[in-house]
């Protein structure tokens, strides 16, 4: 299994609520259409930052900070090969065309992509 995460900042001229509403109303259905029935697709998750904290100098007390990102998605596929095959589909362009409607696209590296290994350490009942 392969997991890829895509993170971004909100469009600077819109509120966080406006960006999230647009994402949920328009972008989520586009993503569902882009990956529904695609070979190797397993799961797509949306995550929204509500609060960000840091711990300074390994102290346990958190300090509230401005988040580095506003949202991210997690995309799971059976293999990297099938993921790359899915990324070559024309449906992906529709997703990129919608990005300026909720995402800050005015800078280089406006989308950060992380190819990650995930291990479950403990699961509840």
PDB file of N, CA and C in Angstrom:
ATOM      1  N   UNK A   1       0.853  -1.184   0.000  1.00  0.00           N
ATOM      2  CA  UNK A   1       0.000   0.000   0.000  1.00  0.00           C
ATOM      3  C   UNK A   1       0.890   1.235   0.000  1.00  0.00           C
ATOM      4  N   UNK A   2       0.453   2.247  -0.739  1.00  0.00           N
ATOM      5  CA  UNK A   2       1.171   3.517  -0.801  1.00  0.00           C
ATOM      6  C   UNK A   2       0.238   4.621  -0.302  1.00  0.00           C
ATOM      7  N   UNK A   3       0.801   5.548   0.440  1.00  0.00           N
ATOM      8  CA  UNK A   3       0.039   6.700   0.932  1.00  0.00           C
ATOM      9  C   UNK A   3       0.767   7.962   0.490  1.00  0.00           C
ATOM     10  N   UNK A   4      -0.003   8.897  -0.074  1.00  0.00           N
ATOM     11  CA  UNK A   4       0.541  10.178  -0.496  1.00  0.00           C
ATOM     12  C   UNK A   4      -0.317  11.264   0.145  1.00  0.00           C
ATOM     13  N   UNK A   5       0.344  12.271   0.686  1.00  0.00           N
ATOM     14  CA  UNK A   5      -0.351  13.397   1.321  1.00  0.00           C
ATOM     15  C   UNK A   5      -0.070  14.666   0.531  1.00  0.00           C
ATOM     16  N   UNK A   6      -1.112  15.467   0.335  1.00  0.00           N
ATOM     17  CA  UNK A   6      -1.018  16.739  -0.369  1.00  0.00           C
ATOM     18  C   UNK A   6      -1.490  17.830   0.592  1.00  0.00           C
ATOM     19  N   UNK A   7      -0.630  18.791   0.889  1.00  0.00           N
ATOM     20  CA  UNK A   7      -1.009  19.863   1.814  1.00  0.00           C
ATOM     21  C   UNK A   7      -0.953  21.211   1.109  1.00  0.00           C
ATOM     22  N   UNK A   8      -1.746  22.166   1.634  1.00  0.00           N
ATOM     23  CA  UNK A   8      -1.814  23.485   1.014  1.00  0.00           C
ATOM     24  C   UNK A   8      -2.267  24.540   2.014  1.00  0.00           C
ATOM     25  N   UNK A   9      -2.134  25.790   1.571  1.00  0.00           N
ATOM     26  CA  UNK A   9      -2.649  26.958   2.298  1.00  0.00           C
ATOM     27  C   UNK A   9      -3.928  27.421   1.601  1.00  0.00           C
ATOM     28  N   UNK A  10      -4.810  28.051   2.373  1.00  0.00           N
ATOM     29  CA  UNK A  10      -6.043  28.590   1.818  1.00  0.00           C
ATOM     30  C   UNK A  10      -5.762  29.762   0.885  1.00  0.00           C
ATOM     31  N   UNK A  11      -6.716  30.021   0.013  1.00  0.00           N
ATOM     32  CA  UNK A  11      -6.658  31.185  -0.864  1.00  0.00           C
ATOM     33  C   UNK A  11      -6.601  32.435   0.024  1.00  0.00           C
ATOM     34  N   UNK A  12      -5.642  33.318  -0.194  1.00  0.00           N
ATOM     35  CA  UNK A  12      -5.460  34.458   0.713  1.00  0.00           C
ATOM     36  C   UNK A  12      -6.603  35.470   0.700  1.00  0.00           C
ATOM     37  N   UNK A  13      -7.412  35.501  -0.355  1.00  0.00           N
ATOM     38  CA  UNK A  13      -8.515  36.458  -0.434  1.00  0.00           C
ATOM     39  C   UNK A  13      -9.839  35.906   0.089  1.00  0.00           C
ATOM     40  N   UNK A  14      -9.819  34.659   0.582  1.00  0.00           N
ATOM     41  CA  UNK A  14     -11.035  34.019   1.089  1.00  0.00           C
ATOM     42  C   UNK A  14     -10.855  33.640   2.553  1.00  0.00           C
ATOM     43  N   UNK A  15     -11.957  33.565   3.267  1.00  0.00           N
ATOM     44  CA  UNK A  15     -11.888  33.107   4.658  1.00  0.00           C
ATOM     45  C   UNK A  15     -11.696  31.594   4.690  1.00  0.00           C
ATOM     46  N   UNK A  16     -11.272  31.097   5.824  1.00  0.00           N
ATOM     47  CA  UNK A  16     -11.123  29.647   5.986  1.00  0.00           C
ATOM     48  C   UNK A  16     -12.451  28.943   5.731  1.00  0.00           C
ATOM     49  N   UNK A  17     -13.539  29.525   6.218  1.00  0.00           N
ATOM     50  CA  UNK A  17     -14.864  28.920   5.998  1.00  0.00           C
ATOM     51  C   UNK A  17     -15.230  28.891   4.513  1.00  0.00           C
ATOM     52  N   UNK A  18     -14.931  29.962   3.793  1.00  0.00           N
ATOM     53  CA  UNK A  18     -15.219  29.991   2.354  1.00  0.00           C
ATOM     54  C   UNK A  18     -14.411  28.935   1.615  1.00  0.00           C
ATOM     55  N   UNK A  19     -13.139  28.798   1.983  1.00  0.00           N
ATOM     56  CA  UNK A  19     -12.284  27.793   1.338  1.00  0.00           C
ATOM     57  C   UNK A  19     -12.794  26.392   1.616  1.00  0.00           C
ATOM     58  N   UNK A  20     -13.163  26.150   2.849  1.00  0.00           N
ATOM     59  CA  UNK A  20     -13.655  24.816   3.192  1.00  0.00           C
ATOM     60  C   UNK A  20     -14.994  24.534   2.515  1.00  0.00           C
ATOM     61  N   UNK A  21     -15.891  25.495   2.478  1.00  0.00           N
ATOM     62  CA  UNK A  21     -17.179  25.285   1.802  1.00  0.00           C
ATOM     63  C   UNK A  21     -16.971  24.941   0.328  1.00  0.00           C
ATOM     64  N   UNK A  22     -16.078  25.684  -0.333  1.00  0.00           N
ATOM     65  CA  UNK A  22     -15.793  25.411  -1.741  1.00  0.00           C
ATOM     66  C   UNK A  22     -15.215  24.007  -1.899  1.00  0.00           C
ATOM     67  N   UNK A  23     -14.281  23.658  -1.019  1.00  0.00           N
ATOM     68  CA  UNK A  23     -13.656  22.339  -1.108  1.00  0.00           C
ATOM     69  C   UNK A  23     -14.721  21.244  -0.971  1.00  0.00           C
ATOM     70  N   UNK A  24     -15.572  21.373   0.016  1.00  0.00           N
ATOM     71  CA  UNK A  24     -16.582  20.339   0.261  1.00  0.00           C
ATOM     72  C   UNK A  24     -17.654  20.295  -0.833  1.00  0.00           C
ATOM     73  N   UNK A  25     -18.077  21.452  -1.315  1.00  0.00           N
ATOM     74  CA  UNK A  25     -19.171  21.507  -2.286  1.00  0.00           C
ATOM     75  C   UNK A  25     -18.740  21.148  -3.705  1.00  0.00           C
ATOM     76  N   UNK A  26     -17.526  21.532  -4.087  1.00  0.00           N
ATOM     77  CA  UNK A  26     -17.095  21.362  -5.475  1.00  0.00           C
ATOM     78  C   UNK A  26     -15.933  20.380  -5.612  1.00  0.00           C
ATOM     79  N   UNK A  27     -14.902  20.580  -4.808  1.00  0.00           N
ATOM     80  CA  UNK A  27     -13.687  19.790  -5.008  1.00  0.00           C
ATOM     81  C   UNK A  27     -13.864  18.330  -4.581  1.00  0.00           C
ATOM     82  N   UNK A  28     -14.557  18.102  -3.487  1.00  0.00           N
ATOM     83  CA  UNK A  28     -14.772  16.712  -3.060  1.00  0.00           C
ATOM     84  C   UNK A  28     -15.493  15.890  -4.129  1.00  0.00           C
ATOM     85  N   UNK A  29     -16.581  16.401  -4.710  1.00  0.00           N
ATOM     86  CA  UNK A  29     -17.210  15.627  -5.785  1.00  0.00           C
ATOM     87  C   UNK A  29     -16.294  15.399  -6.993  1.00  0.00           C
ATOM     88  N   UNK A  30     -15.464  16.401  -7.328  1.00  0.00           N
ATOM     89  CA  UNK A  30     -14.512  16.209  -8.422  1.00  0.00           C
ATOM     90  C   UNK A  30     -13.529  15.089  -8.090  1.00  0.00           C
ATOM     91  N   UNK A  31     -13.056  15.069  -6.848  1.00  0.00           N
ATOM     92  CA  UNK A  31     -12.117  14.027  -6.421  1.00  0.00           C
ATOM     93  C   UNK A  31     -12.790  12.660  -6.417  1.00  0.00           C
ATOM     94  N   UNK A  32     -14.024  12.621  -5.976  1.00  0.00           N
ATOM     95  CA  UNK A  32     -14.751  11.348  -5.998  1.00  0.00           C
ATOM     96  C   UNK A  32     -14.876  10.833  -7.425  1.00  0.00           C
ATOM     97  N   UNK A  33     -15.215  11.710  -8.359  1.00  0.00           N
ATOM     98  CA  UNK A  33     -15.315  11.318  -9.763  1.00  0.00           C
ATOM     99  C   UNK A  33     -13.966  10.897 -10.326  1.00  0.00           C
ATOM    100  N   UNK A  34     -12.907  11.561  -9.896  1.00  0.00           N
ATOM    101  CA  UNK A  34     -11.565  11.267 -10.422  1.00  0.00           C
ATOM    102  C   UNK A  34     -11.063   9.895  -9.993  1.00  0.00           C
ATOM    103  N   UNK A  35     -11.461   9.433  -8.800  1.00  0.00           N
ATOM    104  CA  UNK A  35     -10.895   8.184  -8.276  1.00  0.00           C
ATOM    105  C   UNK A  35     -11.889   7.034  -8.153  1.00  0.00           C
ATOM    106  N   UNK A  36     -13.171   7.302  -8.266  1.00  0.00           N
ATOM    107  CA  UNK A  36     -14.170   6.230  -8.155  1.00  0.00           C
ATOM    108  C   UNK A  36     -13.949   5.184  -9.248  1.00  0.00           C
ATOM    109  N   UNK A  37     -13.815   3.928  -8.840  1.00  0.00           N
ATOM    110  CA  UNK A  37     -13.659   2.831  -9.790  1.00  0.00           C
ATOM    111  C   UNK A  37     -12.275   2.688 -10.393  1.00  0.00           C
ATOM    112  N   UNK A  38     -11.321   3.495  -9.957  1.00  0.00           N
ATOM    113  CA  UNK A  38      -9.966   3.447 -10.505  1.00  0.00           C
ATOM    114  C   UNK A  38      -9.222   2.254  -9.904  1.00  0.00           C
ATOM    115  N   UNK A  39      -8.556   1.515 -10.751  1.00  0.00           N
ATOM    116  CA  UNK A  39      -7.809   0.333 -10.305  1.00  0.00           C
ATOM    117  C   UNK A  39      -6.775   0.719  -9.242  1.00  0.00           C
ATOM    118  N   UNK A  40      -6.800   0.001  -8.130  1.00  0.00           N
ATOM    119  CA  UNK A  40      -5.823   0.205  -7.072  1.00  0.00           C
ATOM    120  C   UNK A  40      -6.197   1.244  -6.037  1.00  0.00           C
ATOM    121  N   UNK A  41      -7.244   2.049  -6.307  1.00  0.00           N
ATOM    122  CA  UNK A  41      -7.655   3.076  -5.348  1.00  0.00           C
ATOM    123  C   UNK A  41      -8.207   2.425  -4.090  1.00  0.00           C
ATOM    124  N   UNK A  42      -7.787   2.946  -2.919  1.00  0.00           N
ATOM    125  CA  UNK A  42      -8.244   2.411  -1.638  1.00  0.00           C
ATOM    126  C   UNK A  42      -9.027   3.431  -0.812  1.00  0.00           C
ATOM    127  N   UNK A  43      -8.491   4.653  -0.665  1.00  0.00           N
ATOM    128  CA  UNK A  43      -9.095   5.582   0.279  1.00  0.00           C
ATOM    129  C   UNK A  43      -8.621   7.005  -0.009  1.00  0.00           C
ATOM    130  N   UNK A  44      -9.505   7.982   0.236  1.00  0.00           N
ATOM    131  CA  UNK A  44      -9.165   9.394   0.134  1.00  0.00           C
ATOM    132  C   UNK A  44      -9.737  10.079   1.366  1.00  0.00           C
ATOM    133  N   UNK A  45      -8.892  10.761   2.143  1.00  0.00           N
ATOM    134  CA  UNK A  45      -9.299  11.449   3.372  1.00  0.00           C
ATOM    135  C   UNK A  45      -8.965  12.931   3.264  1.00  0.00           C
ATOM    136  N   UNK A  46      -9.861  13.758   3.801  1.00  0.00           N
ATOM    137  CA  UNK A  46      -9.646  15.209   3.878  1.00  0.00           C
ATOM    138  C   UNK A  46      -9.396  15.580   5.334  1.00  0.00           C
ATOM    139  N   UNK A  47      -8.438  16.462   5.565  1.00  0.00           N
ATOM    140  CA  UNK A  47      -8.086  16.909   6.908  1.00  0.00           C
ATOM    141  C   UNK A  47      -8.008  18.429   6.907  1.00  0.00           C
ATOM    142  N   UNK A  48      -8.572  19.048   7.949  1.00  0.00           N
ATOM    143  CA  UNK A  48      -8.580  20.504   8.072  1.00  0.00           C
ATOM    144  C   UNK A  48      -7.948  20.892   9.405  1.00  0.00           C
ATOM    145  N   UNK A  49      -6.989  21.805   9.382  1.00  0.00           N
ATOM    146  CA  UNK A  49      -6.337  22.270  10.605  1.00  0.00           C
ATOM    147  C   UNK A  49      -7.297  23.187  11.350  1.00  0.00           C
ATOM    148  N   UNK A  50      -7.571  22.876  12.598  1.00  0.00           N
ATOM    149  CA  UNK A  50      -8.438  23.705  13.448  1.00  0.00           C
ATOM    150  C   UNK A  50      -7.627  24.493  14.470  1.00  0.00           C
ATOM    151  N   UNK A  51      -6.457  23.969  14.812  1.00  0.00           N
ATOM    152  CA  UNK A  51      -5.603  24.617  15.810  1.00  0.00           C
ATOM    153  C   UNK A  51      -4.203  24.048  15.621  1.00  0.00           C
ATOM    154  N   UNK A  52      -3.184  24.880  15.839  1.00  0.00           N
ATOM    155  CA  UNK A  52      -1.797  24.424  15.735  1.00  0.00           C
ATOM    156  C   UNK A  52      -1.035  24.842  16.988  1.00  0.00           C
ATOM    157  N   UNK A  53      -0.249  23.934  17.504  1.00  0.00           N
ATOM    158  CA  UNK A  53       0.585  24.226  18.664  1.00  0.00           C
ATOM    159  C   UNK A  53       1.984  23.683  18.417  1.00  0.00           C
ATOM    160  N   UNK A  54       2.934  24.189  19.174  1.00  0.00           N
ATOM    161  CA  UNK A  54       4.299  23.673  19.170  1.00  0.00           C
ATOM    162  C   UNK A  54       4.735  23.445  20.604  1.00  0.00           C
ATOM    163  N   UNK A  55       5.734  22.624  20.742  1.00  0.00           N
ATOM    164  CA  UNK A  55       6.370  22.424  22.041  1.00  0.00           C
ATOM    165  C   UNK A  55       7.808  22.905  21.904  1.00  0.00           C
ATOM    166  N   UNK A  56       8.169  23.911  22.696  1.00  0.00           N
ATOM    167  CA  UNK A  56       9.505  24.492  22.627  1.00  0.00           C
ATOM    168  C   UNK A  56      10.480  23.729  23.516  1.00  0.00           C
ATOM    169  N   UNK A  57      11.656  23.448  22.973  1.00  0.00           N
ATOM    170  CA  UNK A  57      12.768  22.855  23.727  1.00  0.00           C
ATOM    171  C   UNK A  57      12.355  21.592  24.477  1.00  0.00           C
ATOM    172  N   UNK A  58      11.509  20.787  23.844  1.00  0.00           N
ATOM    173  CA  UNK A  58      11.067  19.500  24.397  1.00  0.00           C
ATOM    174  C   UNK A  58      10.249  19.643  25.677  1.00  0.00           C
ATOM    175  N   UNK A  59       9.668  20.798  25.912  1.00  0.00           N
ATOM    176  CA  UNK A  59       8.783  20.994  27.062  1.00  0.00           C
ATOM    177  C   UNK A  59       7.400  20.446  26.722  1.00  0.00           C
ATOM    178  N   UNK A  60       6.684  19.993  27.733  1.00  0.00           N
ATOM    179  CA  UNK A  60       5.356  19.424  27.520  1.00  0.00           C
ATOM    180  C   UNK A  60       4.285  20.471  27.270  1.00  0.00           C
ATOM    181  N   UNK A  61       4.510  21.716  27.686  1.00  0.00           N
ATOM    182  CA  UNK A  61       3.502  22.761  27.560  1.00  0.00           C
ATOM    183  C   UNK A  61       3.414  23.228  26.109  1.00  0.00           C
ATOM    184  N   UNK A  62       2.241  23.129  25.506  1.00  0.00           N
ATOM    185  CA  UNK A  62       2.099  23.591  24.119  1.00  0.00           C
ATOM    186  C   UNK A  62       1.944  25.106  24.049  1.00  0.00           C
ATOM    187  N   UNK A  63       2.346  25.637  22.913  1.00  0.00           N
ATOM    188  CA  UNK A  63       2.171  27.061  22.614  1.00  0.00           C
ATOM    189  C   UNK A  63       1.413  27.158  21.293  1.00  0.00           C
ATOM    190  N   UNK A  64       0.334  27.931  21.274  1.00  0.00           N
ATOM    191  CA  UNK A  64      -0.467  28.084  20.065  1.00  0.00           C
ATOM    192  C   UNK A  64       0.301  28.923  19.045  1.00  0.00           C
ATOM    193  N   UNK A  65       0.290  28.472  17.783  1.00  0.00           N
ATOM    194  CA  UNK A  65       0.971  29.168  16.687  1.00  0.00           C
ATOM    195  C   UNK A  65       0.058  29.205  15.461  1.00  0.00           C
ATOM    196  N   UNK A  66       0.445  30.022  14.508  1.00  0.00           N
ATOM    197  CA  UNK A  66      -0.214  30.036  13.200  1.00  0.00           C
ATOM    198  C   UNK A  66       0.194  28.753  12.469  1.00  0.00           C
ATOM    199  N   UNK A  67      -0.744  28.002  11.914  1.00  0.00           N
ATOM    200  CA  UNK A  67      -0.371  26.744  11.252  1.00  0.00           C
ATOM    201  C   UNK A  67       0.443  26.981   9.976  1.00  0.00           C
ATOM    202  N   UNK A  68       1.303  26.014   9.654  1.00  0.00           N
ATOM    203  CA  UNK A  68       2.083  26.051   8.414  1.00  0.00           C
ATOM    204  C   UNK A  68       1.216  25.734   7.203  1.00  0.00           C
ATOM    205  N   UNK A  69       0.169  24.943   7.428  1.00  0.00           N
ATOM    206  CA  UNK A  69      -0.749  24.540   6.363  1.00  0.00           C
ATOM    207  C   UNK A  69      -2.168  24.709   6.878  1.00  0.00           C
ATOM    208  N   UNK A  70      -3.121  24.722   5.946  1.00  0.00           N
ATOM    209  CA  UNK A  70      -4.524  24.841   6.332  1.00  0.00           C
ATOM    210  C   UNK A  70      -5.289  23.536   6.165  1.00  0.00           C
ATOM    211  N   UNK A  71      -4.871  22.721   5.217  1.00  0.00           N
ATOM    212  CA  UNK A  71      -5.573  21.461   4.971  1.00  0.00           C
ATOM    213  C   UNK A  71      -4.649  20.497   4.237  1.00  0.00           C
ATOM    214  N   UNK A  72      -5.046  19.233   4.253  1.00  0.00           N
ATOM    215  CA  UNK A  72      -4.338  18.227   3.476  1.00  0.00           C
ATOM    216  C   UNK A  72      -5.260  17.061   3.199  1.00  0.00           C
ATOM    217  N   UNK A  73      -4.919  16.313   2.162  1.00  0.00           N
ATOM    218  CA  UNK A  73      -5.619  15.073   1.861  1.00  0.00           C
ATOM    219  C   UNK A  73      -4.629  13.927   1.905  1.00  0.00           C
ATOM    220  N   UNK A  74      -5.166  12.760   2.206  1.00  0.00           N
ATOM    221  CA  UNK A  74      -4.392  11.523   2.206  1.00  0.00           C
ATOM    222  C   UNK A  74      -5.000  10.621   1.142  1.00  0.00           C
ATOM    223  N   UNK A  75      -4.167  10.150   0.244  1.00  0.00           N
ATOM    224  CA  UNK A  75      -4.607   9.303  -0.859  1.00  0.00           C
ATOM    225  C   UNK A  75      -3.907   7.958  -0.729  1.00  0.00           C
ATOM    226  N   UNK A  76      -4.683   6.888  -0.688  1.00  0.00           N
ATOM    227  CA  UNK A  76      -4.150   5.534  -0.516  1.00  0.00           C
ATOM    228  C   UNK A  76      -4.402   4.721  -1.786  1.00  0.00           C
ATOM    229  N   UNK A  77      -3.347   4.047  -2.254  1.00  0.00           N
ATOM    230  CA  UNK A  77      -3.444   3.168  -3.412  1.00  0.00           C
ATOM    231  C   UNK A  77      -2.752   1.848  -3.103  1.00  0.00           C
ATOM    232  N   UNK A  78      -3.118   0.820  -3.842  1.00  0.00           N
ATOM    233  CA  UNK A  78      -2.497  -0.501  -3.669  1.00  0.00           C
ATOM    234  C   UNK A  78      -1.003  -0.465  -3.929  1.00  0.00           C
ATOM    235  N   UNK A  79      -0.582   0.328  -4.927  1.00  0.00           N
ATOM    236  CA  UNK A  79       0.832   0.378  -5.278  1.00  0.00           C
ATOM    237  C   UNK A  79       1.159   1.717  -5.916  1.00  0.00           C
ATOM    238  N   UNK A  80       2.445   2.043  -5.930  1.00  0.00           N
ATOM    239  CA  UNK A  80       2.876   3.280  -6.573  1.00  0.00           C
ATOM    240  C   UNK A  80       2.596   3.228  -8.068  1.00  0.00           C
ATOM    241  N   UNK A  81       2.757   2.065  -8.668  1.00  0.00           N
ATOM    242  CA  UNK A  81       2.504   1.912 -10.102  1.00  0.00           C
ATOM    243  C   UNK A  81       1.050   2.257 -10.450  1.00  0.00           C
ATOM    244  N   UNK A  82       0.106   1.747  -9.657  1.00  0.00           N
ATOM    245  CA  UNK A  82      -1.305   2.041  -9.922  1.00  0.00           C
ATOM    246  C   UNK A  82      -1.641   3.498  -9.606  1.00  0.00           C
ATOM    247  N   UNK A  83      -0.987   4.067  -8.618  1.00  0.00           N
ATOM    248  CA  UNK A  83      -1.173   5.482  -8.316  1.00  0.00           C
ATOM    249  C   UNK A  83      -0.706   6.338  -9.491  1.00  0.00           C
ATOM    250  N   UNK A  84       0.475   6.052 -10.012  1.00  0.00           N
ATOM    251  CA  UNK A  84       1.002   6.818 -11.152  1.00  0.00           C
ATOM    252  C   UNK A  84       0.086   6.673 -12.366  1.00  0.00           C
ATOM    253  N   UNK A  85      -0.450   5.487 -12.555  1.00  0.00           N
ATOM    254  CA  UNK A  85      -1.377   5.255 -13.662  1.00  0.00           C
ATOM    255  C   UNK A  85      -2.631   6.120 -13.476  1.00  0.00           C
ATOM    256  N   UNK A  86      -3.138   6.192 -12.250  1.00  0.00           N
ATOM    257  CA  UNK A  86      -4.310   7.020 -11.967  1.00  0.00           C
ATOM    258  C   UNK A  86      -3.998   8.500 -12.182  1.00  0.00           C
ATOM    259  N   UNK A  87      -2.791   8.924 -11.828  1.00  0.00           N
ATOM    260  CA  UNK A  87      -2.407  10.325 -11.994  1.00  0.00           C
ATOM    261  C   UNK A  87      -2.321  10.732 -13.459  1.00  0.00           C
ATOM    262  N   UNK A  88      -2.205   9.787 -14.353  1.00  0.00           N
ATOM    263  CA  UNK A  88      -2.118  10.116 -15.780  1.00  0.00           C
ATOM    264  C   UNK A  88      -3.500  10.301 -16.407  1.00  0.00           C
ATOM    265  N   UNK A  89      -4.556  10.039 -15.652  1.00  0.00           N
ATOM    266  CA  UNK A  89      -5.920  10.184 -16.171  1.00  0.00           C
ATOM    267  C   UNK A  89      -6.263  11.669 -16.352  1.00  0.00           C
ATOM    268  N   UNK A  90      -7.043  11.999 -17.391  1.00  0.00           N
ATOM    269  CA  UNK A  90      -7.399  13.404 -17.629  1.00  0.00           C
ATOM    270  C   UNK A  90      -8.252  14.022 -16.522  1.00  0.00           C
ATOM    271  N   UNK A  91      -8.937  13.194 -15.710  1.00  0.00           N
ATOM    272  CA  UNK A  91      -9.769  13.720 -14.620  1.00  0.00           C
ATOM    273  C   UNK A  91      -8.963  14.566 -13.636  1.00  0.00           C
ATOM    274  N   UNK A  92      -7.672  14.275 -13.519  1.00  0.00           N
ATOM    275  CA  UNK A  92      -6.846  15.004 -12.558  1.00  0.00           C
ATOM    276  C   UNK A  92      -6.719  16.479 -12.925  1.00  0.00           C
ATOM    277  N   UNK A  93      -6.793  16.806 -14.196  1.00  0.00           N
ATOM    278  CA  UNK A  93      -6.692  18.210 -14.605  1.00  0.00           C
ATOM    279  C   UNK A  93      -7.851  19.022 -14.043  1.00  0.00           C
ATOM    280  N   UNK A  94      -9.039  18.418 -13.956  1.00  0.00           N
ATOM    281  CA  UNK A  94     -10.193  19.113 -13.381  1.00  0.00           C
ATOM    282  C   UNK A  94      -9.917  19.504 -11.933  1.00  0.00           C
ATOM    283  N   UNK A  95      -9.227  18.640 -11.199  1.00  0.00           N
ATOM    284  CA  UNK A  95      -8.874  18.962  -9.818  1.00  0.00           C
ATOM    285  C   UNK A  95      -7.931  20.163  -9.774  1.00  0.00           C
ATOM    286  N   UNK A  96      -6.906  20.133 -10.613  1.00  0.00           N
ATOM    287  CA  UNK A  96      -5.950  21.239 -10.644  1.00  0.00           C
ATOM    288  C   UNK A  96      -6.614  22.537 -11.101  1.00  0.00           C
ATOM    289  N   UNK A  97      -7.554  22.444 -12.028  1.00  0.00           N
ATOM    290  CA  UNK A  97      -8.259  23.637 -12.500  1.00  0.00           C
ATOM    291  C   UNK A  97      -9.087  24.279 -11.384  1.00  0.00           C
ATOM    292  N   UNK A  98      -9.534  23.484 -10.423  1.00  0.00           N
ATOM    293  CA  UNK A  98     -10.352  24.007  -9.318  1.00  0.00           C
ATOM    294  C   UNK A  98      -9.501  24.574  -8.181  1.00  0.00           C
ATOM    295  N   UNK A  99      -8.245  24.227  -8.084  1.00  0.00           N
ATOM    296  CA  UNK A  99      -7.398  24.664  -6.966  1.00  0.00           C
ATOM    297  C   UNK A  99      -7.437  26.168  -6.704  1.00  0.00           C
ATOM    298  N   UNK A 100      -7.347  27.036  -7.709  1.00  0.00           N
ATOM    299  CA  UNK A 100      -7.345  28.480  -7.431  1.00  0.00           C
ATOM    300  C   UNK A 100      -8.626  28.999  -6.772  1.00  0.00           C
ATOM    301  N   UNK A 101      -9.660  28.176  -6.723  1.00  0.00           N
ATOM    302  CA  UNK A 101     -10.923  28.599  -6.111  1.00  0.00           C
ATOM    303  C   UNK A 101     -10.948  28.433  -4.597  1.00  0.00           C
ATOM    304  N   UNK A 102      -9.954  27.757  -4.030  1.00  0.00           N
ATOM    305  CA  UNK A 102      -9.906  27.602  -2.573  1.00  0.00           C
ATOM    306  C   UNK A 102      -8.483  27.571  -2.023  1.00  0.00           C
ATOM    307  N   UNK A 103      -7.508  27.463  -2.869  1.00  0.00           N
ATOM    308  CA  UNK A 103      -6.124  27.240  -2.472  1.00  0.00           C
ATOM    309  C   UNK A 103      -5.246  28.408  -2.915  1.00  0.00           C
ATOM    310  N   UNK A 104      -4.230  28.716  -2.132  1.00  0.00           N
ATOM    311  CA  UNK A 104      -3.251  29.727  -2.535  1.00  0.00           C
ATOM    312  C   UNK A 104      -2.372  29.131  -3.624  1.00  0.00           C
ATOM    313  N   UNK A 105      -2.526  29.624  -4.833  1.00  0.00           N
ATOM    314  CA  UNK A 105      -1.738  29.148  -5.973  1.00  0.00           C
ATOM    315  C   UNK A 105      -0.763  30.208  -6.469  1.00  0.00           C
ATOM    316  N   UNK A 106      -0.524  31.223  -5.657  1.00  0.00           N
ATOM    317  CA  UNK A 106       0.287  32.369  -6.083  1.00  0.00           C
ATOM    318  C   UNK A 106       1.776  32.208  -5.794  1.00  0.00           C
ATOM    319  N   UNK A 107       2.183  31.073  -5.237  1.00  0.00           N
ATOM    320  CA  UNK A 107       3.588  30.880  -4.883  1.00  0.00           C
ATOM    321  C   UNK A 107       4.127  29.578  -5.462  1.00  0.00           C
ATOM    322  N   UNK A 108       5.438  29.501  -5.538  1.00  0.00           N
ATOM    323  CA  UNK A 108       6.063  28.228  -5.895  1.00  0.00           C
ATOM    324  C   UNK A 108       5.747  27.218  -4.795  1.00  0.00           C
ATOM    325  N   UNK A 109       5.762  25.977  -5.155  1.00  0.00           N
ATOM    326  CA  UNK A 109       5.548  24.897  -4.193  1.00  0.00           C
ATOM    327  C   UNK A 109       4.279  25.120  -3.369  1.00  0.00           C
ATOM    328  N   UNK A 110       3.202  25.532  -4.040  1.00  0.00           N
ATOM    329  CA  UNK A 110       1.967  25.795  -3.302  1.00  0.00           C
ATOM    330  C   UNK A 110       1.300  24.513  -2.804  1.00  0.00           C
ATOM    331  N   UNK A 111       1.628  23.392  -3.400  1.00  0.00           N
ATOM    332  CA  UNK A 111       1.152  22.096  -2.916  1.00  0.00           C
ATOM    333  C   UNK A 111       2.379  21.291  -2.499  1.00  0.00           C
ATOM    334  N   UNK A 112       2.396  20.871  -1.262  1.00  0.00           N
ATOM    335  CA  UNK A 112       3.475  19.998  -0.785  1.00  0.00           C
ATOM    336  C   UNK A 112       2.970  18.566  -0.839  1.00  0.00           C
ATOM    337  N   UNK A 113       3.785  17.687  -1.408  1.00  0.00           N
ATOM    338  CA  UNK A 113       3.404  16.287  -1.583  1.00  0.00           C
ATOM    339  C   UNK A 113       4.387  15.423  -0.810  1.00  0.00           C
ATOM    340  N   UNK A 114       3.841  14.547   0.021  1.00  0.00           N
ATOM    341  CA  UNK A 114       4.650  13.660   0.852  1.00  0.00           C
ATOM    342  C   UNK A 114       4.285  12.214   0.543  1.00  0.00           C
ATOM    343  N   UNK A 115       5.269  11.436   0.167  1.00  0.00           N
ATOM    344  CA  UNK A 115       5.101   9.998  -0.039  1.00  0.00           C
ATOM    345  C   UNK A 115       5.533   9.352   1.278  1.00  0.00           C
ATOM    346  N   UNK A 116       4.603   8.731   1.974  1.00  0.00           N
ATOM    347  CA  UNK A 116       4.876   8.315   3.343  1.00  0.00           C
ATOM    348  C   UNK A 116       4.626   6.824   3.568  1.00  0.00           C
ATOM    349  N   UNK A 117       5.302   6.304   4.575  1.00  0.00           N
ATOM    350  CA  UNK A 117       5.021   4.971   5.110  1.00  0.00           C
ATOM    351  C   UNK A 117       4.157   5.177   6.343  1.00  0.00           C
ATOM    352  N   UNK A 118       3.155   4.354   6.491  1.00  0.00           N
ATOM    353  CA  UNK A 118       2.260   4.477   7.633  1.00  0.00           C
ATOM    354  C   UNK A 118       2.216   3.141   8.365  1.00  0.00           C
ATOM    355  N   UNK A 119       2.422   3.193   9.672  1.00  0.00           N
ATOM    356  CA  UNK A 119       2.313   2.016  10.523  1.00  0.00           C
ATOM    357  C   UNK A 119       1.336   2.326  11.638  1.00  0.00           C
ATOM    358  N   UNK A 120       0.369   1.460  11.848  1.00  0.00           N
ATOM    359  CA  UNK A 120      -0.543   1.610  12.967  1.00  0.00           C
ATOM    360  C   UNK A 120       0.164   1.111  14.210  1.00  0.00           C
ATOM    361  N   UNK A 121       0.297   1.955  15.205  1.00  0.00           N
ATOM    362  CA  UNK A 121       0.961   1.596  16.455  1.00  0.00           C
ATOM    363  C   UNK A 121      -0.028   0.958  17.430  1.00  0.00           C
ATOM    364  N   UNK A 122      -1.229   1.501  17.454  1.00  0.00           N
ATOM    365  CA  UNK A 122      -2.259   1.005  18.361  1.00  0.00           C
ATOM    366  C   UNK A 122      -3.611   1.431  17.810  1.00  0.00           C
ATOM    367  N   UNK A 123      -4.569   0.548  17.856  1.00  0.00           N
ATOM    368  CA  UNK A 123      -5.928   0.867  17.421  1.00  0.00           C
ATOM    369  C   UNK A 123      -6.888   0.583  18.564  1.00  0.00           C
ATOM    370  N   UNK A 124      -7.846   1.462  18.726  1.00  0.00           N
ATOM    371  CA  UNK A 124      -8.850   1.264  19.770  1.00  0.00           C
ATOM    372  C   UNK A 124      -9.877   0.238  19.332  1.00  0.00           C
ATOM    373  N   UNK A 125     -10.800  -0.063  20.239  1.00  0.00           N
ATOM    374  CA  UNK A 125     -11.838  -1.066  19.911  1.00  0.00           C
ATOM    375  C   UNK A 125     -12.765  -0.615  18.804  1.00  0.00           C
TER     376      UNK A 125
END
